[in-house]
Amino acid sequence: MASLEKVKMRHVRIRKRVTGTAERPRLAVHFSGKNIYAQVIDDVAGRTLAAVATTEKSLEGDKTLRANCVTAARLGKLLAERTKSVNVTRVVFDRGGFLYHGKVKALADAAREGGLDF
């Protein structure tokens, strides 16, 4: 079975149990080959409360951005700041089927350091 199929199967299995509410929205992460995306989602209302990605215009000029642990940690801190600005501190972590290792762990740890509780 290909790696991408395994990620999709794990993501479906995770999403059966993990949902975001207004009190504890879901922090969803996705990693492509070149970019990192993370967003805080209220699944009940169907709204994205805060988001960050390496493709943003504000980060576009930085040539050091890659899909690596250093960038993931930087985006985790930035997401924590944006999430706190909309008065959310508690979230549920959705690793998107990716293993909790490397970039996923770096983003999660940085978000915790930034003040998110999960």
N, C-alpha and C. Protein backbone atom coordinates (compact mmCIF):
# COMPACT_ATOMS: atom_id res chain seq x y z
N MET A 1 0.85 -1.18 0.00
CA MET A 1 0.00 0.00 0.00
C MET A 1 0.89 1.24 0.00
N ALA A 2 0.55 2.18 -0.81
CA ALA A 2 1.36 3.40 -0.93
C ALA A 2 1.24 4.26 0.33
N SER A 3 2.22 5.08 0.54
CA SER A 3 2.28 5.93 1.72
C SER A 3 1.09 6.90 1.79
N LEU A 4 0.73 7.48 0.65
CA LEU A 4 -0.39 8.43 0.63
C LEU A 4 -1.70 7.76 1.00
N GLU A 5 -1.89 6.53 0.57
CA GLU A 5 -3.10 5.79 0.94
C GLU A 5 -3.15 5.55 2.44
N LYS A 6 -2.02 5.25 3.04
CA LYS A 6 -1.97 5.02 4.48
C LYS A 6 -2.31 6.30 5.25
N VAL A 7 -1.81 7.43 4.77
CA VAL A 7 -2.11 8.71 5.41
C VAL A 7 -3.60 8.98 5.33
N LYS A 8 -4.20 8.75 4.18
CA LYS A 8 -5.64 9.00 4.02
C LYS A 8 -6.47 8.08 4.91
N MET A 9 -6.07 6.82 5.03
CA MET A 9 -6.79 5.90 5.90
C MET A 9 -6.70 6.34 7.36
N ARG A 10 -5.49 6.75 7.79
CA ARG A 10 -5.34 7.21 9.17
C ARG A 10 -6.15 8.48 9.41
N HIS A 11 -6.20 9.38 8.42
CA HIS A 11 -6.95 10.61 8.57
C HIS A 11 -8.44 10.34 8.73
N VAL A 12 -8.98 9.43 7.96
CA VAL A 12 -10.40 9.06 8.08
C VAL A 12 -10.66 8.49 9.47
N ARG A 13 -9.76 7.64 9.95
CA ARG A 13 -9.92 7.03 11.26
C ARG A 13 -9.87 8.08 12.38
N ILE A 14 -8.99 9.06 12.23
CA ILE A 14 -8.88 10.12 13.23
C ILE A 14 -10.12 11.01 13.23
N ARG A 15 -10.59 11.37 12.03
CA ARG A 15 -11.72 12.31 11.91
C ARG A 15 -13.03 11.71 12.40
N LYS A 16 -13.11 10.40 12.56
CA LYS A 16 -14.31 9.80 13.15
C LYS A 16 -14.49 10.26 14.59
N ARG A 17 -13.36 10.51 15.27
CA ARG A 17 -13.39 10.84 16.69
C ARG A 17 -13.12 12.31 16.99
N VAL A 18 -12.39 13.00 16.14
CA VAL A 18 -11.96 14.36 16.43
C VAL A 18 -12.84 15.37 15.69
N THR A 19 -13.55 16.19 16.46
CA THR A 19 -14.32 17.29 15.87
C THR A 19 -14.08 18.55 16.68
N GLY A 20 -14.23 19.67 16.02
CA GLY A 20 -14.01 20.94 16.69
C GLY A 20 -15.33 21.59 17.06
N THR A 21 -15.38 22.20 18.23
CA THR A 21 -16.57 22.91 18.69
C THR A 21 -16.18 24.37 18.92
N ALA A 22 -17.14 25.18 19.31
CA ALA A 22 -16.85 26.58 19.59
C ALA A 22 -15.91 26.71 20.80
N GLU A 23 -16.07 25.83 21.80
CA GLU A 23 -15.23 25.87 22.98
C GLU A 23 -13.84 25.32 22.71
N ARG A 24 -13.77 24.24 21.90
CA ARG A 24 -12.48 23.61 21.57
C ARG A 24 -12.44 23.32 20.08
N PRO A 25 -12.04 24.29 19.27
CA PRO A 25 -11.96 24.06 17.83
C PRO A 25 -10.83 23.09 17.48
N ARG A 26 -10.86 22.61 16.27
CA ARG A 26 -9.90 21.61 15.80
C ARG A 26 -8.72 22.31 15.12
N LEU A 27 -7.51 21.95 15.55
CA LEU A 27 -6.28 22.44 14.92
C LEU A 27 -5.86 21.38 13.91
N ALA A 28 -6.13 21.64 12.63
CA ALA A 28 -5.84 20.68 11.56
C ALA A 28 -4.56 21.08 10.85
N VAL A 29 -3.70 20.10 10.58
CA VAL A 29 -2.45 20.37 9.87
C VAL A 29 -2.38 19.53 8.61
N HIS A 30 -1.71 20.07 7.61
CA HIS A 30 -1.48 19.34 6.36
C HIS A 30 -0.10 19.70 5.84
N PHE A 31 0.60 18.72 5.34
CA PHE A 31 1.93 18.90 4.81
C PHE A 31 1.97 18.36 3.39
N SER A 32 2.29 19.23 2.43
CA SER A 32 2.52 18.75 1.08
C SER A 32 4.03 18.62 0.92
N GLY A 33 4.49 18.35 -0.25
CA GLY A 33 5.93 18.21 -0.46
C GLY A 33 6.67 19.50 -0.23
N LYS A 34 6.05 20.64 -0.54
CA LYS A 34 6.73 21.92 -0.45
C LYS A 34 6.19 22.84 0.63
N ASN A 35 4.93 22.66 1.03
CA ASN A 35 4.27 23.64 1.90
C ASN A 35 3.68 23.01 3.15
N ILE A 36 3.41 23.88 4.11
CA ILE A 36 2.78 23.49 5.37
C ILE A 36 1.54 24.35 5.54
N TYR A 37 0.44 23.73 5.93
CA TYR A 37 -0.82 24.43 6.15
C TYR A 37 -1.36 24.02 7.52
N ALA A 38 -1.88 24.99 8.27
CA ALA A 38 -2.50 24.70 9.56
C ALA A 38 -3.66 25.67 9.75
N GLN A 39 -4.77 25.15 10.28
CA GLN A 39 -5.90 26.03 10.53
C GLN A 39 -6.67 25.55 11.75
N VAL A 40 -7.33 26.49 12.41
CA VAL A 40 -8.16 26.21 13.57
C VAL A 40 -9.60 26.33 13.10
N ILE A 41 -10.36 25.23 13.23
CA ILE A 41 -11.68 25.13 12.62
C ILE A 41 -12.74 24.82 13.66
N ASP A 42 -13.85 25.55 13.61
CA ASP A 42 -15.05 25.24 14.38
C ASP A 42 -15.95 24.42 13.46
N ASP A 43 -15.98 23.10 13.66
CA ASP A 43 -16.73 22.21 12.76
C ASP A 43 -18.23 22.37 12.91
N VAL A 44 -18.71 22.77 14.08
CA VAL A 44 -20.14 22.93 14.30
C VAL A 44 -20.68 24.08 13.44
N ALA A 45 -19.97 25.20 13.47
CA ALA A 45 -20.39 26.37 12.68
C ALA A 45 -19.86 26.31 11.25
N GLY A 46 -18.88 25.44 10.99
CA GLY A 46 -18.29 25.36 9.66
C GLY A 46 -17.44 26.56 9.31
N ARG A 47 -16.70 27.08 10.32
CA ARG A 47 -15.89 28.29 10.11
C ARG A 47 -14.44 28.03 10.45
N THR A 48 -13.55 28.65 9.69
CA THR A 48 -12.13 28.65 10.02
C THR A 48 -11.86 29.90 10.84
N LEU A 49 -11.36 29.71 12.06
CA LEU A 49 -11.13 30.82 12.97
C LEU A 49 -9.76 31.47 12.76
N ALA A 50 -8.76 30.67 12.45
CA ALA A 50 -7.41 31.17 12.21
C ALA A 50 -6.69 30.19 11.31
N ALA A 51 -5.81 30.71 10.47
CA ALA A 51 -5.06 29.85 9.57
C ALA A 51 -3.68 30.43 9.30
N VAL A 52 -2.77 29.55 8.94
CA VAL A 52 -1.42 29.96 8.57
C VAL A 52 -0.90 28.94 7.55
N ALA A 53 -0.12 29.43 6.59
CA ALA A 53 0.46 28.56 5.57
C ALA A 53 1.73 29.18 5.04
N THR A 54 2.59 28.35 4.51
CA THR A 54 3.83 28.86 3.94
C THR A 54 3.58 29.58 2.62
N THR A 55 2.39 29.51 2.08
CA THR A 55 2.07 30.16 0.80
C THR A 55 1.52 31.56 0.97
N GLU A 56 1.45 32.07 2.19
CA GLU A 56 0.89 33.40 2.45
C GLU A 56 1.76 34.50 1.86
N LYS A 57 1.13 35.59 1.47
CA LYS A 57 1.85 36.73 0.90
C LYS A 57 2.83 37.33 1.91
N SER A 58 2.43 37.34 3.20
CA SER A 58 3.30 37.94 4.21
C SER A 58 4.59 37.14 4.42
N LEU A 59 4.57 35.86 4.10
CA LEU A 59 5.75 35.00 4.26
C LEU A 59 6.44 34.72 2.94
N GLU A 60 5.90 35.23 1.85
CA GLU A 60 6.37 34.88 0.52
C GLU A 60 7.81 35.31 0.25
N GLY A 61 8.25 36.42 0.77
CA GLY A 61 9.59 36.93 0.51
C GLY A 61 10.69 36.13 1.17
N ASP A 62 10.35 35.33 2.18
CA ASP A 62 11.35 34.56 2.92
C ASP A 62 11.73 33.31 2.13
N LYS A 63 12.95 33.23 1.67
CA LYS A 63 13.41 32.09 0.86
C LYS A 63 13.81 30.90 1.70
N THR A 64 13.83 31.04 3.03
CA THR A 64 14.21 29.92 3.89
C THR A 64 13.03 29.03 4.23
N LEU A 65 11.83 29.39 3.80
CA LEU A 65 10.65 28.59 4.11
C LEU A 65 10.64 27.32 3.27
N ARG A 66 10.64 26.20 3.94
CA ARG A 66 10.54 24.89 3.31
C ARG A 66 9.63 24.05 4.19
N ALA A 67 9.25 22.91 3.71
CA ALA A 67 8.42 22.01 4.52
C ALA A 67 9.35 21.20 5.43
N ASN A 68 9.88 21.87 6.47
CA ASN A 68 10.78 21.22 7.41
C ASN A 68 10.39 21.57 8.84
N CYS A 69 11.13 21.02 9.80
CA CYS A 69 10.80 21.21 11.21
C CYS A 69 10.95 22.65 11.66
N VAL A 70 11.94 23.35 11.15
CA VAL A 70 12.17 24.74 11.55
C VAL A 70 10.99 25.61 11.12
N THR A 71 10.56 25.45 9.90
CA THR A 71 9.42 26.22 9.39
C THR A 71 8.15 25.83 10.12
N ALA A 72 7.97 24.53 10.41
CA ALA A 72 6.79 24.07 11.13
C ALA A 72 6.70 24.71 12.50
N ALA A 73 7.83 24.82 13.18
CA ALA A 73 7.84 25.45 14.51
C ALA A 73 7.50 26.93 14.40
N ARG A 74 8.03 27.58 13.38
CA ARG A 74 7.73 29.01 13.18
C ARG A 74 6.25 29.23 12.91
N LEU A 75 5.66 28.37 12.09
CA LEU A 75 4.24 28.50 11.78
C LEU A 75 3.37 28.15 12.99
N GLY A 76 3.83 27.22 13.83
CA GLY A 76 3.09 26.88 15.04
C GLY A 76 2.97 28.06 15.98
N LYS A 77 4.05 28.80 16.15
CA LYS A 77 4.01 29.99 17.00
C LYS A 77 3.13 31.08 16.41
N LEU A 78 3.21 31.26 15.09
CA LEU A 78 2.39 32.26 14.42
C LEU A 78 0.90 31.91 14.51
N LEU A 79 0.59 30.62 14.38
CA LEU A 79 -0.81 30.18 14.50
C LEU A 79 -1.32 30.39 15.92
N ALA A 80 -0.48 30.13 16.91
CA ALA A 80 -0.89 30.34 18.30
C ALA A 80 -1.22 31.81 18.55
N GLU A 81 -0.42 32.72 17.99
CA GLU A 81 -0.71 34.15 18.14
C GLU A 81 -2.04 34.52 17.50
N ARG A 82 -2.27 34.03 16.29
CA ARG A 82 -3.50 34.35 15.58
C ARG A 82 -4.71 33.74 16.27
N THR A 83 -4.55 32.56 16.84
CA THR A 83 -5.66 31.90 17.52
C THR A 83 -6.00 32.63 18.82
N LYS A 84 -4.98 33.07 19.54
CA LYS A 84 -5.22 33.81 20.78
C LYS A 84 -5.88 35.15 20.50
N SER A 85 -5.64 35.73 19.32
CA SER A 85 -6.25 37.02 18.99
C SER A 85 -7.76 36.90 18.75
N VAL A 86 -8.25 35.68 18.48
CA VAL A 86 -9.70 35.47 18.36
C VAL A 86 -10.26 34.82 19.63
N ASN A 87 -9.51 34.94 20.74
CA ASN A 87 -9.93 34.49 22.08
C ASN A 87 -10.15 32.98 22.15
N VAL A 88 -9.27 32.21 21.55
CA VAL A 88 -9.32 30.75 21.65
C VAL A 88 -7.98 30.29 22.20
N THR A 89 -8.02 29.50 23.29
CA THR A 89 -6.78 28.97 23.85
C THR A 89 -6.77 27.45 23.90
N ARG A 90 -7.94 26.82 23.90
CA ARG A 90 -8.01 25.37 23.96
C ARG A 90 -8.43 24.83 22.60
N VAL A 91 -7.69 23.87 22.08
CA VAL A 91 -7.99 23.27 20.79
C VAL A 91 -7.87 21.75 20.88
N VAL A 92 -8.36 21.07 19.86
CA VAL A 92 -8.19 19.63 19.69
C VAL A 92 -7.24 19.46 18.50
N PHE A 93 -6.21 18.66 18.66
CA PHE A 93 -5.19 18.52 17.61
C PHE A 93 -5.58 17.41 16.64
N ASP A 94 -5.61 17.76 15.35
CA ASP A 94 -5.89 16.81 14.27
C ASP A 94 -4.63 16.75 13.41
N ARG A 95 -3.87 15.67 13.53
CA ARG A 95 -2.61 15.56 12.82
C ARG A 95 -2.79 15.18 11.36
N GLY A 96 -4.01 15.02 10.91
CA GLY A 96 -4.30 14.82 9.50
C GLY A 96 -3.81 13.51 8.94
N GLY A 97 -3.66 12.49 9.75
CA GLY A 97 -3.19 11.21 9.28
C GLY A 97 -1.68 11.08 9.26
N PHE A 98 -0.97 12.17 9.51
CA PHE A 98 0.48 12.12 9.54
C PHE A 98 0.93 11.61 10.90
N LEU A 99 2.05 10.92 10.94
CA LEU A 99 2.57 10.41 12.20
C LEU A 99 3.05 11.57 13.07
N TYR A 100 2.86 11.43 14.39
CA TYR A 100 3.26 12.48 15.32
C TYR A 100 4.77 12.39 15.52
N HIS A 101 5.49 12.97 14.55
CA HIS A 101 6.94 12.89 14.54
C HIS A 101 7.45 13.97 13.61
N GLY A 102 8.59 14.52 13.87
CA GLY A 102 9.19 15.49 12.96
C GLY A 102 8.41 16.78 12.86
N LYS A 103 7.93 17.11 11.65
CA LYS A 103 7.26 18.38 11.40
C LYS A 103 5.98 18.52 12.21
N VAL A 104 5.23 17.43 12.34
CA VAL A 104 3.97 17.48 13.09
C VAL A 104 4.26 17.79 14.55
N LYS A 105 5.25 17.12 15.12
CA LYS A 105 5.60 17.35 16.52
C LYS A 105 6.16 18.76 16.72
N ALA A 106 6.96 19.24 15.78
CA ALA A 106 7.54 20.58 15.89
C ALA A 106 6.44 21.64 15.87
N LEU A 107 5.47 21.50 14.98
CA LEU A 107 4.37 22.46 14.91
C LEU A 107 3.53 22.42 16.19
N ALA A 108 3.24 21.22 16.67
CA ALA A 108 2.43 21.08 17.89
C ALA A 108 3.14 21.66 19.10
N ASP A 109 4.42 21.38 19.25
CA ASP A 109 5.17 21.89 20.40
C ASP A 109 5.26 23.41 20.37
N ALA A 110 5.47 23.98 19.18
CA ALA A 110 5.55 25.43 19.06
C ALA A 110 4.21 26.08 19.36
N ALA A 111 3.13 25.44 18.94
CA ALA A 111 1.80 25.99 19.24
C ALA A 111 1.54 25.94 20.75
N ARG A 112 1.99 24.89 21.40
CA ARG A 112 1.86 24.81 22.87
C ARG A 112 2.67 25.91 23.54
N GLU A 113 3.88 26.12 23.06
CA GLU A 113 4.72 27.18 23.62
C GLU A 113 4.08 28.55 23.41
N GLY A 114 3.38 28.71 22.30
CA GLY A 114 2.71 29.97 22.01
C GLY A 114 1.47 30.22 22.83
N GLY A 115 1.02 29.23 23.60
CA GLY A 115 -0.10 29.42 24.50
C GLY A 115 -1.33 28.58 24.22
N LEU A 116 -1.29 27.73 23.20
CA LEU A 116 -2.46 26.87 22.95
C LEU A 116 -2.42 25.67 23.89
N ASP A 117 -3.59 25.22 24.32
CA ASP A 117 -3.70 24.10 25.24
C ASP A 117 -4.35 22.93 24.53
N PHE A 118 -3.59 21.85 24.36
CA PHE A 118 -4.13 20.59 23.83
C PHE A 118 -3.26 19.43 24.23
